[in-house]
Amino acid sequence: MHKGKNGIERELGTRLAMPDAREQLWNFLSDNIKAVVRDEVLNPAKAKGKLFGRPRFFNDLLSSQPLCFNLFAELQRELGLATAVLSNLIPGRIERVTSIDFEYSPGRGDPRYTGDKTAFDVFVQFTGPADNGFVGIEVKYHENLICKTEEPGKRRAEIAQQMECFRADVVGGPTDPLLQQIWRDHLLAGALKHVDNFADGFFLFLYPEQNPHCRDAVARYRECLSDDGSFASSTLEQMVTEIRRHTSAPWVDRLFDRYLDFGKIEAALNGDADPKWSGTGSVSA
């Protein structure tokens, strides 16, 4: 149940019942994905220091954190597939994916990096033409990206200057609240590349093409850059299309059905949709 602004409680169709959702991992689209969740989230040793929102991670069908696992966990278990997908999504830089991690930071609060709690939703290491590399990924779904503008601080300004990719008038950081998280993630990628001596490294922002906040933020952020070699963006639709080029596994259709089949919303608004759903997130007859 969710209590609205008027104090009236109403049932949310995007929420799963707890604690069964956590125990059965209903929010996740395949057995492999559930296994990765057990390894990465439910294993205290592996999850130490990582911030997984609870209970939303387990009970919110449209939260971006479980989306990360539903999108990347199968790729973690099949690095050949990950290589095929990501090398085509980001041409010319990735020759072989070597690992995929979730909710990754090289050191939360570590002053060698950004000195804050910024982390990548997904962290991919690879080999490529320039030897060892990484891509730090932020995955968004329905978020509007608006957050409080922060003072850049001495360390952030140093990283921005070191990266040599920002216009001179924005080295101190963008003033637009819509761009703050993108900027912090981008700086983390720049610091990580320098401190850990990666030959290549960049930040990738993934979002649904029909999220106007994310789409506008990407366009505005690119205007802050004099060189976009350390920043990339793509849509979830593009990535799912690329995955479908290389596998017909059922989890891909379930992924599309839950997160990207917006035609069902139109059908529901028109009174044409069957409201019944299966446990895998697919519409049931």
Protein backbone atom coordinates (compact mmCIF):
# COMPACT_ATOMS: atom_id res chain seq x y z
CA MET A 1 0.00 0.00 0.00
CA HIS A 2 1.08 3.58 -0.69
CA LYS A 3 -0.17 6.67 1.13
CA GLY A 4 -0.69 9.60 -1.24
CA LYS A 5 -0.50 13.32 -0.53
CA ASN A 6 -4.14 13.31 0.51
CA GLY A 7 -3.41 10.64 3.14
CA ILE A 8 -5.47 8.00 1.32
CA GLU A 9 -3.81 4.63 0.96
CA ARG A 10 -3.96 2.90 -2.40
CA GLU A 11 -2.53 -0.29 -3.80
CA LEU A 12 0.42 0.07 -6.18
CA GLY A 13 0.56 -2.34 -9.09
CA THR A 14 4.36 -2.05 -9.25
CA ARG A 15 4.93 -3.41 -5.73
CA LEU A 16 5.46 -7.05 -4.81
CA ALA A 17 4.48 -8.47 -1.44
CA MET A 18 7.21 -8.66 1.17
CA PRO A 19 8.87 -10.69 2.60
CA ASP A 20 8.06 -13.24 -0.13
CA ALA A 21 9.51 -10.97 -2.81
CA ARG A 22 12.88 -11.03 -1.07
CA GLU A 23 12.79 -14.76 -0.30
CA GLN A 24 11.61 -15.83 -3.75
CA LEU A 25 13.35 -13.04 -5.74
CA TRP A 26 10.21 -12.47 -7.82
CA ASN A 27 11.60 -9.16 -9.12
CA PHE A 28 14.20 -10.93 -11.26
CA LEU A 29 13.63 -12.40 -14.69
CA SER A 30 15.60 -15.67 -14.82
CA ASP A 31 17.27 -18.26 -12.63
CA ASN A 32 20.70 -16.95 -13.67
CA ILE A 33 19.76 -13.42 -12.65
CA LYS A 34 18.48 -14.65 -9.30
CA ALA A 35 21.75 -16.51 -8.77
CA VAL A 36 23.73 -13.33 -9.42
CA VAL A 37 21.51 -11.45 -6.94
CA ARG A 38 22.23 -14.09 -4.32
CA ASP A 39 25.98 -13.79 -5.03
CA GLU A 40 26.13 -9.99 -5.21
CA VAL A 41 23.41 -8.74 -2.84
CA LEU A 42 22.47 -11.49 -0.39
CA ASN A 43 26.08 -12.52 0.21
CA PRO A 44 27.18 -10.22 3.07
CA ALA A 45 30.86 -10.47 2.18
CA LYS A 46 30.31 -9.43 -1.45
CA ALA A 47 27.70 -6.77 -0.62
CA LYS A 48 29.79 -5.11 2.11
CA GLY A 49 30.07 -1.36 1.47
CA LYS A 50 27.55 -1.42 -1.38
CA LEU A 51 24.28 0.48 -1.13
CA PHE A 52 21.26 -1.50 -2.28
CA GLY A 53 17.96 0.20 -1.53
CA ARG A 54 15.80 -2.05 0.60
CA PRO A 55 13.02 -3.05 0.31
CA ARG A 56 12.75 -1.41 -3.15
CA PHE A 57 15.43 -3.65 -4.60
CA PHE A 58 13.21 -6.65 -3.94
CA ASN A 59 9.66 -5.34 -4.19
CA ASP A 60 9.65 -2.49 -6.73
CA LEU A 61 9.13 -3.78 -10.28
CA LEU A 62 10.22 -0.46 -11.83
CA SER A 63 13.17 0.49 -9.64
CA SER A 64 16.42 1.12 -11.54
CA GLN A 65 18.62 -1.02 -9.23
CA PRO A 66 16.90 -4.33 -10.01
CA LEU A 67 16.74 -3.18 -13.64
CA CYS A 68 20.56 -3.16 -13.63
CA PHE A 69 20.59 -6.82 -12.61
CA ASN A 70 17.85 -7.79 -15.06
CA LEU A 71 19.84 -6.08 -17.83
CA PHE A 72 23.43 -7.08 -16.98
CA ALA A 73 23.41 -10.22 -14.79
CA GLU A 74 23.02 -12.64 -17.70
CA LEU A 75 25.88 -10.81 -19.42
CA GLN A 76 28.01 -11.25 -16.30
CA ARG A 77 27.43 -15.02 -16.51
CA GLU A 78 28.13 -15.10 -20.27
CA LEU A 79 31.03 -12.75 -21.01
CA GLY A 80 31.09 -13.76 -24.67
CA LEU A 81 27.57 -12.37 -25.02
CA ALA A 82 28.61 -9.27 -23.07
CA THR A 83 31.49 -8.75 -25.48
CA ALA A 84 29.27 -9.11 -28.54
CA VAL A 85 26.67 -6.69 -27.17
CA LEU A 86 28.92 -3.98 -25.73
CA SER A 87 31.49 -3.98 -28.53
CA ASN A 88 28.69 -3.16 -30.98
CA LEU A 89 26.93 -0.73 -28.65
CA ILE A 90 30.20 1.18 -28.17
CA PRO A 91 32.21 0.55 -31.37
CA GLY A 92 35.98 0.60 -31.56
CA ARG A 93 36.90 0.36 -27.88
CA ILE A 94 35.91 -3.04 -26.49
CA GLU A 95 37.48 -6.24 -27.82
CA ARG A 96 36.80 -8.57 -24.89
CA VAL A 97 34.78 -8.04 -21.73
CA THR A 98 36.65 -9.55 -18.76
CA SER A 99 34.32 -8.81 -15.81
CA ILE A 100 31.06 -7.13 -14.79
CA ASP A 101 30.38 -5.83 -11.28
CA PHE A 102 27.44 -4.03 -9.67
CA GLU A 103 27.19 -0.93 -7.43
CA TYR A 104 30.92 -0.41 -7.81
CA SER A 105 33.16 2.27 -6.38
CA PRO A 106 36.96 2.07 -6.24
CA GLY A 107 36.72 3.66 -2.79
CA ARG A 108 33.74 5.48 -1.29
CA GLY A 109 34.99 8.67 0.32
CA ASP A 110 38.57 7.98 -0.82
CA PRO A 111 40.23 11.36 -1.55
CA ARG A 112 42.35 9.78 -4.27
CA TYR A 113 39.19 9.50 -6.34
CA THR A 114 36.28 11.93 -5.89
CA GLY A 115 36.17 11.81 -2.10
CA ASP A 116 32.40 11.25 -2.06
CA LYS A 117 30.01 8.28 -2.11
CA THR A 118 29.49 8.19 -5.87
CA ALA A 119 29.38 4.68 -7.36
CA PHE A 120 28.65 3.17 -10.75
CA ASP A 121 25.51 1.07 -11.09
CA VAL A 122 27.46 -1.34 -13.30
CA PHE A 123 31.21 -1.57 -13.84
CA VAL A 124 32.59 -3.39 -16.89
CA GLN A 125 36.28 -4.15 -17.39
CA PHE A 126 37.56 -5.01 -20.85
CA THR A 127 40.56 -5.31 -23.08
CA GLY A 128 40.73 -3.26 -26.24
CA PRO A 129 43.04 -1.58 -28.73
CA ALA A 130 44.51 0.53 -25.90
CA ASP A 131 45.04 -2.51 -23.62
CA ASN A 132 43.09 -2.56 -20.32
CA GLY A 133 39.95 -0.47 -19.98
CA PHE A 134 36.68 0.01 -18.16
CA VAL A 135 33.27 1.55 -18.59
CA GLY A 136 31.39 2.84 -15.55
CA ILE A 137 27.64 2.77 -16.20
CA GLU A 138 24.70 4.65 -14.71
CA VAL A 139 21.29 3.13 -15.47
CA LYS A 140 18.14 5.22 -15.18
CA TYR A 141 14.50 4.36 -15.73
CA HIS A 142 11.77 6.80 -14.62
CA GLU A 143 14.00 9.19 -12.61
CA ASN A 144 13.90 12.94 -13.30
CA LEU A 145 17.60 13.44 -12.31
CA ILE A 146 16.87 16.60 -10.33
CA CYS A 147 19.13 16.82 -7.30
CA LYS A 148 20.77 19.48 -5.19
CA THR A 149 23.64 21.41 -6.78
CA GLU A 150 26.83 20.88 -4.78
CA GLU A 151 29.94 22.97 -4.46
CA PRO A 152 32.57 21.36 -6.70
CA GLY A 153 35.31 21.30 -4.07
CA LYS A 154 39.05 21.38 -4.74
CA ARG A 155 39.35 17.67 -5.62
CA ARG A 156 36.52 17.71 -8.16
CA ALA A 157 37.98 20.78 -9.84
CA GLU A 158 41.38 19.05 -10.03
CA ILE A 159 39.83 15.98 -11.67
CA ALA A 160 37.89 18.10 -14.16
CA GLN A 161 41.04 19.96 -15.19
CA GLN A 162 43.00 16.74 -15.42
CA MET A 163 40.40 15.16 -17.71
CA GLU A 164 40.77 18.01 -20.25
CA CYS A 165 37.32 17.38 -21.65
CA PHE A 166 35.25 20.25 -20.22
CA ARG A 167 34.68 23.69 -21.64
CA ALA A 168 36.65 26.28 -19.71
CA ASP A 169 33.51 27.90 -18.29
CA VAL A 170 32.23 24.63 -16.75
CA VAL A 171 35.42 23.12 -15.31
CA GLY A 172 34.09 24.09 -11.89
CA GLY A 173 30.98 22.03 -12.52
CA PRO A 174 27.62 22.56 -14.25
CA THR A 175 25.12 24.72 -12.37
CA ASP A 176 22.12 22.89 -13.83
CA PRO A 177 20.65 20.55 -11.11
CA LEU A 178 19.70 18.10 -13.87
CA LEU A 179 23.38 17.45 -14.62
CA GLN A 180 24.81 16.92 -11.14
CA GLN A 181 24.72 13.12 -10.99
CA ILE A 182 26.01 12.72 -14.54
CA TRP A 183 28.89 15.06 -13.71
CA ARG A 184 29.83 13.19 -10.52
CA ASP A 185 29.80 9.83 -12.30
CA HIS A 186 31.84 11.24 -15.17
CA LEU A 187 34.42 12.65 -12.72
CA LEU A 188 34.64 9.27 -10.96
CA ALA A 189 35.47 7.65 -14.29
CA GLY A 190 38.14 10.28 -14.95
CA ALA A 191 39.71 9.86 -11.51
CA LEU A 192 39.63 6.06 -11.70
CA LYS A 193 41.35 6.01 -15.09
CA HIS A 194 44.15 8.24 -13.81
CA VAL A 195 44.67 6.78 -10.32
CA ASP A 196 44.47 3.10 -11.34
CA ASN A 197 46.41 3.58 -14.60
CA PHE A 198 43.80 2.25 -17.01
CA ALA A 199 44.73 2.69 -20.65
CA ASP A 200 41.09 3.44 -21.49
CA GLY A 201 38.10 4.36 -19.37
CA PHE A 202 34.85 6.19 -19.80
CA PHE A 203 31.37 6.77 -18.39
CA LEU A 204 28.19 5.47 -20.07
CA PHE A 205 24.73 6.82 -19.30
CA LEU A 206 21.87 4.42 -20.11
CA TYR A 207 18.23 5.52 -20.10
CA PRO A 208 14.86 4.87 -21.84
CA GLU A 209 14.49 6.97 -24.96
CA GLN A 210 11.04 8.13 -23.81
CA ASN A 211 12.36 9.62 -20.55
CA PRO A 212 12.49 13.34 -21.46
CA HIS A 213 14.45 14.32 -18.35
CA CYS A 214 17.30 11.95 -19.21
CA ARG A 215 17.20 12.78 -22.91
CA ASP A 216 17.40 16.52 -22.22
CA ALA A 217 20.12 16.06 -19.59
CA VAL A 218 22.33 14.15 -22.05
CA ALA A 219 21.96 16.89 -24.66
CA ARG A 220 22.74 19.62 -22.11
CA TYR A 221 25.68 17.73 -20.69
CA ARG A 222 27.27 17.28 -24.09
CA GLU A 223 27.19 21.07 -24.46
CA CYS A 224 29.51 21.24 -21.40
CA LEU A 225 32.19 19.15 -23.13
CA SER A 226 35.02 20.12 -25.42
CA ASP A 227 35.91 16.43 -25.92
CA ASP A 228 33.40 13.59 -25.46
CA GLY A 229 35.87 10.69 -25.55
CA SER A 230 35.26 9.90 -21.86
CA PHE A 231 31.46 10.23 -22.04
CA ALA A 232 28.98 8.04 -23.88
CA SER A 233 25.22 7.64 -23.83
CA SER A 234 22.80 5.07 -25.15
CA THR A 235 19.17 4.12 -24.69
CA LEU A 236 17.86 0.96 -23.08
CA GLU A 237 16.05 0.30 -26.34
CA GLN A 238 19.33 0.32 -28.27
CA MET A 239 20.92 -2.05 -25.81
CA VAL A 240 18.00 -4.49 -25.81
CA THR A 241 17.99 -4.44 -29.63
CA GLU A 242 21.69 -5.30 -29.56
CA ILE A 243 21.13 -8.13 -27.06
CA ARG A 244 18.38 -9.54 -29.29
CA ARG A 245 20.85 -9.67 -32.19
CA HIS A 246 22.92 -12.20 -30.25
CA THR A 247 20.44 -14.23 -28.18
CA SER A 248 16.80 -15.25 -28.21
CA ALA A 249 16.80 -16.32 -24.55
CA PRO A 250 13.40 -15.79 -22.83
CA TRP A 251 14.77 -13.28 -20.31
CA VAL A 252 15.27 -10.71 -23.06
CA ASP A 253 11.58 -10.72 -23.98
CA ARG A 254 10.66 -10.54 -20.29
CA LEU A 255 12.99 -7.54 -19.94
CA PHE A 256 11.38 -5.74 -22.85
CA ASP A 257 7.90 -6.64 -21.66
CA ARG A 258 8.41 -5.19 -18.20
CA TYR A 259 10.46 -2.09 -18.90
CA LEU A 260 10.01 -1.04 -22.52
CA ASP A 261 6.64 -2.22 -23.88
CA PHE A 262 4.94 1.13 -23.37
CA GLY A 263 2.21 0.13 -25.80
CA LYS A 264 0.57 -1.71 -22.89
CA ILE A 265 0.14 1.61 -21.11
CA GLU A 266 -1.74 3.03 -24.07
CA ALA A 267 -3.85 -0.12 -24.23
CA ALA A 268 -4.65 0.14 -20.52
CA LEU A 269 -5.63 3.79 -20.87
CA ASN A 270 -7.92 2.79 -23.72
CA GLY A 271 -9.42 -0.04 -21.68
CA ASP A 272 -8.00 -2.73 -23.98
CA ALA A 273 -5.38 -4.34 -21.73
CA ASP A 274 -5.68 -7.59 -19.81
CA PRO A 275 -4.55 -6.63 -16.29
CA LYS A 276 -3.32 -10.11 -15.39
CA TRP A 277 0.40 -10.69 -15.18
CA SER A 278 2.52 -13.81 -14.81
CA GLY A 279 5.22 -14.20 -12.18
CA THR A 280 7.92 -13.52 -14.78
CA GLY A 281 6.55 -10.10 -15.65
CA SER A 282 4.94 -11.24 -18.93
CA VAL A 283 1.31 -10.65 -19.76
CA SER A 284 -0.65 -13.84 -19.26
CA ALA A 285 -3.59 -14.94 -21.33
